[in-house]
C-alpha cells in the first residue's frame, strides 16, 4: 500500500490497528484539533474507522495518510501526515499534518511536510500541492511557508466548528517552485 517515508528523525508509515489508541488520544484532544476541520473524536470507534478509511483510500489512491513516529521510539505514533483529495486528472492534492501537542516545538512538522512534498512530486508525479489553514494557526502556516508554500487566498467564514466561525488561508506549491 503506502511506502514508508524516512526523514532524519522520523518514520512515516502506514497506519495499522495497533495505532487506534494513539489516534484516539490525538484526535480526541481539543488542543490538537483547535484548528482542525472536524470536532474531536468522541469514541474509539472513530479512530478504528480512521484506520479502515486510510486503508481503503490508500488502495484507491485518493487519500494517503501516514502515521508519524520518531525513529528512536518505534510504534509510538506522534501524529499523521496526509496527501488527500488527490485529483490525478489535474495532478494535484492537498497536504495535511497533525502532531501531538506533546511534541510541538521540536521541528517535526518541518520534517513531515518535505517528506510529503517529495513523495507527491516524485512518486505520484503531481504538479500542484495545496493546503488550507486557519489563519490563527501560526505554527502550521510558518511550517508550510518554510517548506515553500505560498499564500494564495483567504476565505472568510469557511468553517463552522464548535459554535465558532473560522476563516481559512489557502496556500499552494507548484513542482517548479523553489523549495526553501
C-alpha atoms as a PDB file:
ATOM      1  CA  UNK A   1       0.000   0.000   0.000  1.00  0.00           C
ATOM      2  CA  UNK A   2       1.914   3.039   1.212  1.00  0.00           C
ATOM      3  CA  UNK A   3       5.681   3.181   1.183  1.00  0.00           C
ATOM      4  CA  UNK A   4       7.498   4.133   4.364  1.00  0.00           C
ATOM      5  CA  UNK A   5       8.979   7.642   4.148  1.00  0.00           C
ATOM      6  CA  UNK A   6      12.061   8.459   6.193  1.00  0.00           C
ATOM      7  CA  UNK A   7      13.363  11.790   7.465  1.00  0.00           C
ATOM      8  CA  UNK A   8      16.384  12.371   9.697  1.00  0.00           C
ATOM      9  CA  UNK A   9      14.380  11.742  12.885  1.00  0.00           C
ATOM     10  CA  UNK A  10      11.028  10.376  11.741  1.00  0.00           C
ATOM     11  CA  UNK A  11       9.372   7.447  10.017  1.00  0.00           C
ATOM     12  CA  UNK A  12       6.119   7.995   8.124  1.00  0.00           C
ATOM     13  CA  UNK A  13       4.496   4.590   7.759  1.00  0.00           C
ATOM     14  CA  UNK A  14       1.103   3.060   7.013  1.00  0.00           C
ATOM     15  CA  UNK A  15      -1.372   3.133   9.879  1.00  0.00           C
ATOM     16  CA  UNK A  16      -2.391  -0.154  11.492  1.00  0.00           C
ATOM     17  CA  UNK A  17      -4.813  -1.402  14.127  1.00  0.00           C
ATOM     18  CA  UNK A  18      -2.192  -1.016  16.861  1.00  0.00           C
ATOM     19  CA  UNK A  19      -2.347   2.759  16.256  1.00  0.00           C
ATOM     20  CA  UNK A  20      -6.013   3.061  17.252  1.00  0.00           C
ATOM     21  CA  UNK A  21      -5.394   4.103  20.899  1.00  0.00           C
ATOM     22  CA  UNK A  22      -2.800   6.727  19.895  1.00  0.00           C
ATOM     23  CA  UNK A  23      -5.040   8.021  17.094  1.00  0.00           C
ATOM     24  CA  UNK A  24      -7.935   8.309  19.511  1.00  0.00           C
ATOM     25  CA  UNK A  25      -5.735  10.172  22.015  1.00  0.00           C
ATOM     26  CA  UNK A  26      -4.597  12.572  19.287  1.00  0.00           C
ATOM     27  CA  UNK A  27      -7.916  13.128  17.522  1.00  0.00           C
ATOM     28  CA  UNK A  28      -9.904  13.458  20.750  1.00  0.00           C
ATOM     29  CA  UNK A  29      -7.541  16.130  22.084  1.00  0.00           C
ATOM     30  CA  UNK A  30      -9.232  19.540  21.769  1.00  0.00           C
ATOM     31  CA  UNK A  31      -5.867  21.328  21.868  1.00  0.00           C
ATOM     32  CA  UNK A  32      -4.530  19.303  18.933  1.00  0.00           C
ATOM     33  CA  UNK A  33      -7.775  19.803  16.995  1.00  0.00           C
ATOM     34  CA  UNK A  34      -8.186  23.512  17.804  1.00  0.00           C
ATOM     35  CA  UNK A  35      -7.715  24.432  14.132  1.00  0.00           C
ATOM     36  CA  UNK A  36      -8.630  21.088  12.548  1.00  0.00           C
ATOM     37  CA  UNK A  37     -11.511  20.550  10.119  1.00  0.00           C
ATOM     38  CA  UNK A  38     -13.679  18.393  12.402  1.00  0.00           C
ATOM     39  CA  UNK A  39     -14.693  18.101  16.035  1.00  0.00           C
ATOM     40  CA  UNK A  40     -12.650  15.921  18.419  1.00  0.00           C
ATOM     41  CA  UNK A  41     -13.390  12.192  18.367  1.00  0.00           C
ATOM     42  CA  UNK A  42     -15.880  11.080  20.983  1.00  0.00           C
ATOM     43  CA  UNK A  43     -15.284   7.311  20.768  1.00  0.00           C
ATOM     44  CA  UNK A  44     -12.579   4.772  20.000  1.00  0.00           C
ATOM     45  CA  UNK A  45     -14.689   3.530  17.096  1.00  0.00           C
ATOM     46  CA  UNK A  46     -13.936   6.786  15.248  1.00  0.00           C
ATOM     47  CA  UNK A  47     -10.199   6.029  15.449  1.00  0.00           C
ATOM     48  CA  UNK A  48     -10.864   2.487  14.246  1.00  0.00           C
ATOM     49  CA  UNK A  49     -12.826   3.904  11.318  1.00  0.00           C
ATOM     50  CA  UNK A  50      -9.980   6.307  10.548  1.00  0.00           C
ATOM     51  CA  UNK A  51      -7.568   3.357  10.140  1.00  0.00           C
ATOM     52  CA  UNK A  52     -10.019   1.465   7.926  1.00  0.00           C
ATOM     53  CA  UNK A  53     -10.716   4.591   5.909  1.00  0.00           C
ATOM     54  CA  UNK A  54      -6.972   5.186   5.498  1.00  0.00           C
ATOM     55  CA  UNK A  55      -6.525   1.673   4.097  1.00  0.00           C
ATOM     56  CA  UNK A  56      -9.472   1.958   1.695  1.00  0.00           C
ATOM     57  CA  UNK A  57      -8.430   5.368   0.383  1.00  0.00           C
ATOM     58  CA  UNK A  58      -4.782   4.297   0.045  1.00  0.00           C
ATOM     59  CA  UNK A  59      -5.873   1.384  -2.135  1.00  0.00           C
ATOM     60  CA  UNK A  60      -7.910   3.798  -4.262  1.00  0.00           C
ATOM     61  CA  UNK A  61      -5.068   6.344  -4.286  1.00  0.00           C
ATOM     62  CA  UNK A  62      -7.373   9.195  -3.283  1.00  0.00           C
ATOM     63  CA  UNK A  63      -6.171   9.885   0.262  1.00  0.00           C
ATOM     64  CA  UNK A  64      -2.778   8.793   1.531  1.00  0.00           C
ATOM     65  CA  UNK A  65      -2.389   9.028   5.305  1.00  0.00           C
ATOM     66  CA  UNK A  66       0.779   8.016   7.106  1.00  0.00           C
ATOM     67  CA  UNK A  67       1.347   7.538  10.797  1.00  0.00           C
ATOM     68  CA  UNK A  68       4.294   9.560  12.084  1.00  0.00           C
ATOM     69  CA  UNK A  69       6.658   8.093  14.665  1.00  0.00           C
ATOM     70  CA  UNK A  70      10.103   9.014  15.894  1.00  0.00           C
ATOM     71  CA  UNK A  71      12.832   6.632  14.744  1.00  0.00           C
ATOM     72  CA  UNK A  72      14.067   6.362  18.324  1.00  0.00           C
ATOM     73  CA  UNK A  73      10.580   5.353  19.566  1.00  0.00           C
ATOM     74  CA  UNK A  74       9.175   2.872  17.013  1.00  0.00           C
ATOM     75  CA  UNK A  75       5.496   2.088  17.331  1.00  0.00           C
ATOM     76  CA  UNK A  76       4.711   5.267  19.272  1.00  0.00           C
ATOM     77  CA  UNK A  77       2.562   7.386  16.996  1.00  0.00           C
ATOM     78  CA  UNK A  78       3.083  11.147  17.401  1.00  0.00           C
ATOM     79  CA  UNK A  79       0.914  12.300  14.504  1.00  0.00           C
ATOM     80  CA  UNK A  80      -0.175  11.806  10.930  1.00  0.00           C
ATOM     81  CA  UNK A  81       0.745  13.266   7.559  1.00  0.00           C
ATOM     82  CA  UNK A  82      -1.559  13.158   4.552  1.00  0.00           C
ATOM     83  CA  UNK A  83      -1.778  13.723   0.852  1.00  0.00           C
ATOM     84  CA  UNK A  84      -5.537  13.848   0.329  1.00  0.00           C
ATOM     85  CA  UNK A  85      -8.152  14.914  -2.185  1.00  0.00           C
ATOM     86  CA  UNK A  86      -5.842  13.561  -4.865  1.00  0.00           C
ATOM     87  CA  UNK A  87      -7.059  14.554  -8.327  1.00  0.00           C
ATOM     88  CA  UNK A  88      -4.870  12.664 -10.794  1.00  0.00           C
ATOM     89  CA  UNK A  89      -6.505  14.295 -13.811  1.00  0.00           C
ATOM     90  CA  UNK A  90      -5.264  17.698 -12.644  1.00  0.00           C
ATOM     91  CA  UNK A  91      -2.114  16.346 -10.930  1.00  0.00           C
ATOM     92  CA  UNK A  92      -2.860  17.963  -7.578  1.00  0.00           C
ATOM     93  CA  UNK A  93      -3.739  17.168  -3.979  1.00  0.00           C
ATOM     94  CA  UNK A  94      -3.938  18.711  -0.543  1.00  0.00           C
ATOM     95  CA  UNK A  95      -1.340  18.349   2.196  1.00  0.00           C
ATOM     96  CA  UNK A  96      -2.247  17.922   5.842  1.00  0.00           C
ATOM     97  CA  UNK A  97      -0.456  17.063   9.045  1.00  0.00           C
ATOM     98  CA  UNK A  98      -1.213  16.908  12.733  1.00  0.00           C
ATOM     99  CA  UNK A  99       1.159  16.281  15.611  1.00  0.00           C
ATOM    100  CA  UNK A 100       0.521  15.603  19.268  1.00  0.00           C
ATOM    101  CA  UNK A 101       0.836  18.743  21.409  1.00  0.00           C
ATOM    102  CA  UNK A 102       3.419  16.789  23.440  1.00  0.00           C
ATOM    103  CA  UNK A 103       5.882  17.124  20.540  1.00  0.00           C
ATOM    104  CA  UNK A 104       5.082  20.636  19.348  1.00  0.00           C
ATOM    105  CA  UNK A 105       8.079  22.929  19.074  1.00  0.00           C
ATOM    106  CA  UNK A 106      10.584  20.205  18.132  1.00  0.00           C
ATOM    107  CA  UNK A 107      10.586  20.875  14.374  1.00  0.00           C
ATOM    108  CA  UNK A 108       8.889  17.610  13.416  1.00  0.00           C
ATOM    109  CA  UNK A 109       6.444  19.353  11.086  1.00  0.00           C
ATOM    110  CA  UNK A 110       9.461  20.703   9.212  1.00  0.00           C
ATOM    111  CA  UNK A 111      10.397  17.059   8.509  1.00  0.00           C
ATOM    112  CA  UNK A 112       6.910  15.697   7.794  1.00  0.00           C
ATOM    113  CA  UNK A 113       5.939  18.290   5.179  1.00  0.00           C
ATOM    114  CA  UNK A 114       9.071  17.926   2.983  1.00  0.00           C
ATOM    115  CA  UNK A 115       8.656  14.121   3.034  1.00  0.00           C
ATOM    116  CA  UNK A 116       5.080  14.546   1.797  1.00  0.00           C
ATOM    117  CA  UNK A 117       6.182  17.064  -0.834  1.00  0.00           C
ATOM    118  CA  UNK A 118       8.901  14.742  -2.119  1.00  0.00           C
ATOM    119  CA  UNK A 119       6.503  11.803  -2.366  1.00  0.00           C
ATOM    120  CA  UNK A 120       3.829  13.882  -4.102  1.00  0.00           C
ATOM    121  CA  UNK A 121       6.143  15.355  -6.715  1.00  0.00           C
ATOM    122  CA  UNK A 122       8.377  12.305  -7.276  1.00  0.00           C
ATOM    123  CA  UNK A 123       6.391   9.119  -6.741  1.00  0.00           C
ATOM    124  CA  UNK A 124       2.942  10.494  -7.599  1.00  0.00           C
ATOM    125  CA  UNK A 125       4.163  12.880 -10.309  1.00  0.00           C
ATOM    126  CA  UNK A 126       1.834  15.637  -9.118  1.00  0.00           C
ATOM    127  CA  UNK A 127       2.214  19.228 -10.261  1.00  0.00           C
ATOM    128  CA  UNK A 128       0.432  21.182  -7.510  1.00  0.00           C
ATOM    129  CA  UNK A 129       0.005  20.854  -3.748  1.00  0.00           C
ATOM    130  CA  UNK A 130      -2.487  22.829  -1.702  1.00  0.00           C
ATOM    131  CA  UNK A 131      -3.044  23.495   1.987  1.00  0.00           C
ATOM    132  CA  UNK A 132      -5.951  25.044   3.865  1.00  0.00           C
ATOM    133  CA  UNK A 133      -5.041  26.523   7.277  1.00  0.00           C
ATOM    134  CA  UNK A 134      -6.861  28.519   9.933  1.00  0.00           C
ATOM    135  CA  UNK A 135      -5.068  31.917   9.981  1.00  0.00           C
ATOM    136  CA  UNK A 136      -4.688  31.668  13.766  1.00  0.00           C
ATOM    137  CA  UNK A 137      -2.605  28.505  13.343  1.00  0.00           C
ATOM    138  CA  UNK A 138       0.640  30.434  13.070  1.00  0.00           C
ATOM    139  CA  UNK A 139       2.890  27.385  13.601  1.00  0.00           C
ATOM    140  CA  UNK A 140       1.364  25.443  10.703  1.00  0.00           C
ATOM    141  CA  UNK A 141       1.430  28.463   8.415  1.00  0.00           C
ATOM    142  CA  UNK A 142       5.086  29.061   9.281  1.00  0.00           C
ATOM    143  CA  UNK A 143       5.955  25.395   8.673  1.00  0.00           C
ATOM    144  CA  UNK A 144       4.263  25.320   5.274  1.00  0.00           C
ATOM    145  CA  UNK A 145       5.789  28.617   4.182  1.00  0.00           C
ATOM    146  CA  UNK A 146       9.262  27.493   5.263  1.00  0.00           C
ATOM    147  CA  UNK A 147       8.710  24.444   3.043  1.00  0.00           C
ATOM    148  CA  UNK A 148       7.971  26.635   0.016  1.00  0.00           C
ATOM    149  CA  UNK A 149       4.184  27.033   0.116  1.00  0.00           C
ATOM    150  CA  UNK A 150       2.866  30.459  -0.867  1.00  0.00           C
ATOM    151  CA  UNK A 151      -0.267  32.179   0.385  1.00  0.00           C
ATOM    152  CA  UNK A 152      -2.757  32.348  -2.457  1.00  0.00           C
ATOM    153  CA  UNK A 153      -6.017  33.340  -0.873  1.00  0.00           C
ATOM    154  CA  UNK A 154      -8.127  33.994   2.181  1.00  0.00           C
ATOM    155  CA  UNK A 155     -11.631  32.663   2.716  1.00  0.00           C
ATOM    156  CA  UNK A 156     -13.773  34.257   5.378  1.00  0.00           C
ATOM    157  CA  UNK A 157     -16.204  32.134   7.381  1.00  0.00           C
ATOM    158  CA  UNK A 158     -15.233  28.891   5.640  1.00  0.00           C
ATOM    159  CA  UNK A 159     -15.771  26.551   8.593  1.00  0.00           C
ATOM    160  CA  UNK A 160     -18.327  26.340  11.386  1.00  0.00           C
ATOM    161  CA  UNK A 161     -16.897  24.227  14.208  1.00  0.00           C
ATOM    162  CA  UNK A 162     -17.762  24.088  17.867  1.00  0.00           C
ATOM    163  CA  UNK A 163     -20.074  27.061  17.628  1.00  0.00           C
ATOM    164  CA  UNK A 164     -17.330  29.150  16.052  1.00  0.00           C
ATOM    165  CA  UNK A 165     -16.857  30.517  12.547  1.00  0.00           C
ATOM    166  CA  UNK A 166     -13.345  30.008  11.218  1.00  0.00           C
ATOM    167  CA  UNK A 167     -11.577  31.625   8.302  1.00  0.00           C
ATOM    168  CA  UNK A 168      -9.056  29.875   6.067  1.00  0.00           C
ATOM    169  CA  UNK A 169      -5.747  30.763   4.431  1.00  0.00           C
ATOM    170  CA  UNK A 170      -5.174  28.897   1.166  1.00  0.00           C
ATOM    171  CA  UNK A 171      -1.605  28.020   0.227  1.00  0.00           C
ATOM    172  CA  UNK A 172      -0.112  26.403  -2.842  1.00  0.00           C
ATOM    173  CA  UNK A 173       3.139  24.874  -4.034  1.00  0.00           C
ATOM    174  CA  UNK A 174       3.997  24.002  -7.617  1.00  0.00           C
ATOM    175  CA  UNK A 175       6.510  21.368  -8.613  1.00  0.00           C
ATOM    176  CA  UNK A 176       8.713  24.051 -10.195  1.00  0.00           C
ATOM    177  CA  UNK A 177       8.576  26.473  -7.251  1.00  0.00           C
ATOM    178  CA  UNK A 178      11.885  26.864  -5.447  1.00  0.00           C
ATOM    179  CA  UNK A 179      11.911  24.827  -2.222  1.00  0.00           C
ATOM    180  CA  UNK A 180      13.305  26.531   0.833  1.00  0.00           C
END
